[in-house]
């Protein structure tokens, strides 16, 4: 939890800095108020932070560290208004250390300046379809609600092409189950029942990508 608070604190401080930067370095606003189509393609890597509860042994829930590692590829398509506000949808895939998912998100993004090179922030909200494979430490789980927020910088490298770099936080819920066990007189665990529950997983990561225009 301390790592989550630290990462969110850093992200919030960076967001405040980016907002201050955009206000203290104004540029002439774009006069183009039309909607433009855009495409953004990203690859990223994220690592698990925090821990989550697993099976219950003699009435005590055990915890395990979230050591997942995720490699992500996604593409976002939508419209941009006044070269600053973007709305769209994202599809892609995620290869987990212990699973595979197909996330589908609604997307909203905001550029701090209507320019080719600028800081930005964005939010993804949606659902991940897929499976986290069972291990000796936890049971199989399936995808559920997912949320991501990030801040970054895009750099114009050609007339209609920008490179982008981003740090982000991601929350992923999983539908899973845990085992309830009790130890017998010989100190051997015996399965009593299986209980369905939702697993909250937290991640921090980095992305690079290309956006057009």
Protein backbone atom coordinates (compact mmCIF):
# COMPACT_ATOMS: atom_id res chain seq x y z
CA UNK A 1 0.00 0.00 0.00
CA UNK A 2 2.89 2.37 0.78
CA UNK A 3 4.30 1.82 -2.73
CA UNK A 4 0.88 2.57 -4.23
CA UNK A 5 0.59 5.81 -2.24
CA UNK A 6 4.14 6.78 -3.21
CA UNK A 7 3.53 6.17 -6.93
CA UNK A 8 0.21 8.02 -6.90
CA UNK A 9 1.84 10.89 -5.00
CA UNK A 10 4.62 11.16 -7.59
CA UNK A 11 2.09 11.03 -10.43
CA UNK A 12 -0.04 13.76 -8.82
CA UNK A 13 3.01 15.98 -8.25
CA UNK A 14 4.06 15.48 -11.87
CA UNK A 15 0.54 16.33 -13.03
CA UNK A 16 0.64 19.60 -11.06
CA UNK A 17 4.03 20.41 -12.55
CA UNK A 18 2.80 19.75 -16.08
CA UNK A 19 -0.26 21.94 -15.52
CA UNK A 20 1.94 24.73 -14.16
CA UNK A 21 4.27 24.36 -17.14
CA UNK A 22 1.41 24.67 -19.60
CA UNK A 23 0.14 27.82 -17.87
CA UNK A 24 3.50 29.54 -17.55
CA UNK A 25 4.49 28.81 -21.14
CA UNK A 26 1.38 29.77 -23.11
CA UNK A 27 1.11 29.34 -26.83
CA UNK A 28 -1.36 30.82 -29.24
CA UNK A 29 -4.55 28.73 -28.99
CA UNK A 30 -5.52 26.70 -31.98
CA UNK A 31 -8.24 28.32 -34.06
CA UNK A 32 -9.24 24.93 -35.47
CA UNK A 33 -12.34 23.84 -33.53
CA UNK A 34 -13.24 20.97 -35.80
CA UNK A 35 -13.09 17.29 -34.89
CA UNK A 36 -10.14 15.34 -36.23
CA UNK A 37 -9.64 11.60 -36.28
CA UNK A 38 -6.54 10.26 -34.53
CA UNK A 39 -4.77 6.96 -34.01
CA UNK A 40 -2.36 6.11 -31.23
CA UNK A 41 -0.40 2.86 -31.01
CA UNK A 42 1.39 1.96 -27.78
CA UNK A 43 3.58 -0.71 -26.25
CA UNK A 44 4.26 -0.81 -22.55
CA UNK A 45 5.51 -2.76 -19.57
CA UNK A 46 4.12 -2.72 -16.04
CA UNK A 47 4.92 -4.48 -12.81
CA UNK A 48 2.75 -5.46 -9.87
CA UNK A 49 2.76 -3.43 -6.67
CA UNK A 50 1.31 -4.32 -3.29
CA UNK A 51 -0.14 -7.69 -2.31
CA UNK A 52 -3.45 -9.55 -2.36
CA UNK A 53 -5.21 -12.13 -0.18
CA UNK A 54 -5.36 -15.79 -1.12
CA UNK A 55 -6.48 -18.93 0.72
CA UNK A 56 -7.70 -19.19 4.31
CA UNK A 57 -5.96 -21.64 6.65
CA UNK A 58 -7.50 -22.20 10.08
CA UNK A 59 -9.42 -18.93 9.78
CA UNK A 60 -6.42 -16.82 8.77
CA UNK A 61 -6.20 -15.37 5.24
CA UNK A 62 -2.75 -15.55 3.69
CA UNK A 63 -1.27 -12.79 1.52
CA UNK A 64 0.98 -12.99 -1.49
CA UNK A 65 3.02 -10.27 -3.16
CA UNK A 66 1.80 -9.11 -6.57
CA UNK A 67 4.83 -10.03 -8.67
CA UNK A 68 3.06 -10.00 -12.06
CA UNK A 69 4.85 -8.55 -15.06
CA UNK A 70 2.71 -7.35 -18.00
CA UNK A 71 3.70 -6.55 -21.58
CA UNK A 72 1.00 -4.50 -23.35
CA UNK A 73 0.19 -3.64 -26.95
CA UNK A 74 -2.83 -1.46 -27.73
CA UNK A 75 -4.22 0.86 -30.36
CA UNK A 76 -6.55 3.79 -29.70
CA UNK A 77 -8.82 5.38 -32.31
CA UNK A 78 -11.09 8.37 -31.83
CA UNK A 79 -11.62 12.07 -32.38
CA UNK A 80 -9.75 15.14 -31.11
CA UNK A 81 -11.37 18.53 -30.47
CA UNK A 82 -9.38 21.79 -30.74
CA UNK A 83 -6.18 19.72 -30.88
CA UNK A 84 -6.43 19.13 -27.12
CA UNK A 85 -9.34 16.96 -25.95
CA UNK A 86 -9.43 13.37 -27.26
CA UNK A 87 -12.21 10.79 -26.98
CA UNK A 88 -11.96 7.27 -28.30
CA UNK A 89 -11.80 3.54 -27.73
CA UNK A 90 -8.85 1.23 -27.17
CA UNK A 91 -8.31 -2.45 -27.95
CA UNK A 92 -5.21 -4.56 -27.56
CA UNK A 93 -3.69 -7.47 -25.69
CA UNK A 94 -1.69 -8.04 -22.51
CA UNK A 95 0.75 -10.89 -21.91
CA UNK A 96 1.04 -11.52 -18.18
CA UNK A 97 3.64 -13.68 -16.50
CA UNK A 98 0.70 -15.90 -15.49
CA UNK A 99 -2.04 -15.03 -17.95
CA UNK A 100 -3.30 -13.41 -21.13
CA UNK A 101 -5.93 -10.67 -21.54
CA UNK A 102 -7.73 -8.62 -24.20
CA UNK A 103 -8.50 -5.20 -22.62
CA UNK A 104 -11.26 -3.01 -24.10
CA UNK A 105 -11.32 0.58 -22.87
CA UNK A 106 -13.07 3.88 -23.31
CA UNK A 107 -10.42 6.59 -23.60
CA UNK A 108 -10.19 10.29 -22.76
CA UNK A 109 -7.01 12.31 -23.22
CA UNK A 110 -6.00 15.92 -22.78
CA UNK A 111 -2.99 17.77 -24.24
CA UNK A 112 -1.77 20.67 -22.09
CA UNK A 113 -1.04 22.74 -25.18
CA UNK A 114 -2.51 22.60 -28.74
CA UNK A 115 0.92 21.86 -30.16
CA UNK A 116 2.78 18.97 -31.72
CA UNK A 117 5.12 18.64 -28.73
CA UNK A 118 3.42 18.88 -25.34
CA UNK A 119 2.72 17.18 -22.04
CA UNK A 120 -0.50 15.18 -21.78
CA UNK A 121 -2.65 13.13 -19.43
CA UNK A 122 -5.14 10.37 -20.18
CA UNK A 123 -7.58 7.94 -18.57
CA UNK A 124 -8.65 4.45 -19.67
CA UNK A 125 -11.81 2.86 -18.26
CA UNK A 126 -13.14 -0.53 -19.29
CA UNK A 127 -12.98 -4.30 -19.02
CA UNK A 128 -10.37 -6.98 -19.61
CA UNK A 129 -11.35 -10.31 -21.15
CA UNK A 130 -9.01 -13.17 -20.41
CA UNK A 131 -7.56 -15.53 -17.82
CA UNK A 132 -4.96 -15.42 -15.09
CA UNK A 133 -3.59 -18.94 -14.83
CA UNK A 134 -3.64 -20.87 -11.56
CA UNK A 135 -0.38 -21.47 -9.69
CA UNK A 136 0.53 -23.18 -6.41
CA UNK A 137 -0.20 -19.85 -4.70
CA UNK A 138 -3.60 -18.85 -6.15
CA UNK A 139 -6.54 -20.13 -8.17
CA UNK A 140 -7.44 -19.29 -11.77
CA UNK A 141 -9.07 -15.91 -12.34
CA UNK A 142 -10.91 -14.16 -15.15
CA UNK A 143 -10.83 -10.52 -16.21
CA UNK A 144 -13.16 -7.82 -14.90
CA UNK A 145 -13.20 -4.03 -14.42
CA UNK A 146 -9.97 -2.18 -15.28
CA UNK A 147 -8.81 1.42 -14.92
CA UNK A 148 -5.63 3.27 -15.87
CA UNK A 149 -4.40 6.85 -15.55
CA UNK A 150 -1.15 8.26 -16.91
CA UNK A 151 0.87 11.38 -17.64
CA UNK A 152 3.53 11.83 -20.27
CA UNK A 153 5.10 13.83 -23.06
CA UNK A 154 4.68 13.61 -26.83
CA UNK A 155 7.35 14.82 -29.24
CA UNK A 156 6.60 15.81 -32.83
CA UNK A 157 9.05 14.10 -35.18
CA UNK A 158 7.29 14.58 -38.54
CA UNK A 159 4.39 16.50 -40.04
CA UNK A 160 1.73 14.14 -38.66
CA UNK A 161 3.69 11.82 -36.38
CA UNK A 162 4.55 12.19 -32.69
CA UNK A 163 6.47 9.90 -30.37
CA UNK A 164 5.03 9.63 -26.85
CA UNK A 165 6.40 8.58 -23.48
CA UNK A 166 4.18 7.91 -20.47
CA UNK A 167 4.18 6.70 -16.87
CA UNK A 168 0.94 5.21 -15.59
CA UNK A 169 -0.95 3.50 -12.78
CA UNK A 170 -3.31 0.59 -13.53
CA UNK A 171 -5.99 -1.14 -11.46
CA UNK A 172 -7.21 -4.55 -12.57
CA UNK A 173 -9.93 -6.58 -10.86
CA UNK A 174 -10.14 -10.36 -11.31
CA UNK A 175 -13.00 -12.76 -10.63
CA UNK A 176 -11.46 -15.69 -8.79
CA UNK A 177 -11.85 -17.98 -5.77
CA UNK A 178 -9.90 -18.93 -2.69
CA UNK A 179 -9.67 -22.16 -0.71
CA UNK A 180 -10.76 -22.52 2.91
CA UNK A 181 -8.65 -25.13 4.69
CA UNK A 182 -8.32 -26.46 8.24
CA UNK A 183 -5.54 -28.63 9.60
CA UNK A 184 -6.50 -32.01 11.05
CA UNK A 185 -5.05 -33.76 14.08
CA UNK A 186 -2.06 -34.85 11.99
CA UNK A 187 -1.42 -31.20 11.01
CA UNK A 188 -2.41 -31.88 7.39
CA UNK A 189 -4.51 -29.18 5.62
CA UNK A 190 -7.97 -30.38 4.59
CA UNK A 191 -10.13 -28.51 2.06
CA UNK A 192 -13.42 -27.31 3.53
CA UNK A 193 -14.87 -25.17 0.73
CA UNK A 194 -14.10 -22.77 -2.12
CA UNK A 195 -15.22 -19.13 -1.89
CA UNK A 196 -15.66 -16.78 -4.86
CA UNK A 197 -14.12 -13.31 -4.48
CA UNK A 198 -12.80 -10.35 -6.44
CA UNK A 199 -9.03 -9.84 -6.52
CA UNK A 200 -7.85 -6.18 -6.64
CA UNK A 201 -4.48 -5.90 -8.41
CA UNK A 202 -2.37 -2.74 -8.75
CA UNK A 203 0.38 -1.97 -11.26
CA UNK A 204 2.80 0.80 -12.23
CA UNK A 205 4.43 1.05 -15.63
CA UNK A 206 5.91 2.81 -18.62
CA UNK A 207 4.66 3.19 -22.21
CA UNK A 208 6.13 4.38 -25.48
CA UNK A 209 4.13 4.89 -28.64
CA UNK A 210 3.32 6.72 -31.85
CA UNK A 211 0.32 9.00 -32.37
CA UNK A 212 -1.12 10.24 -35.70
CA UNK A 213 -1.80 13.13 -36.08
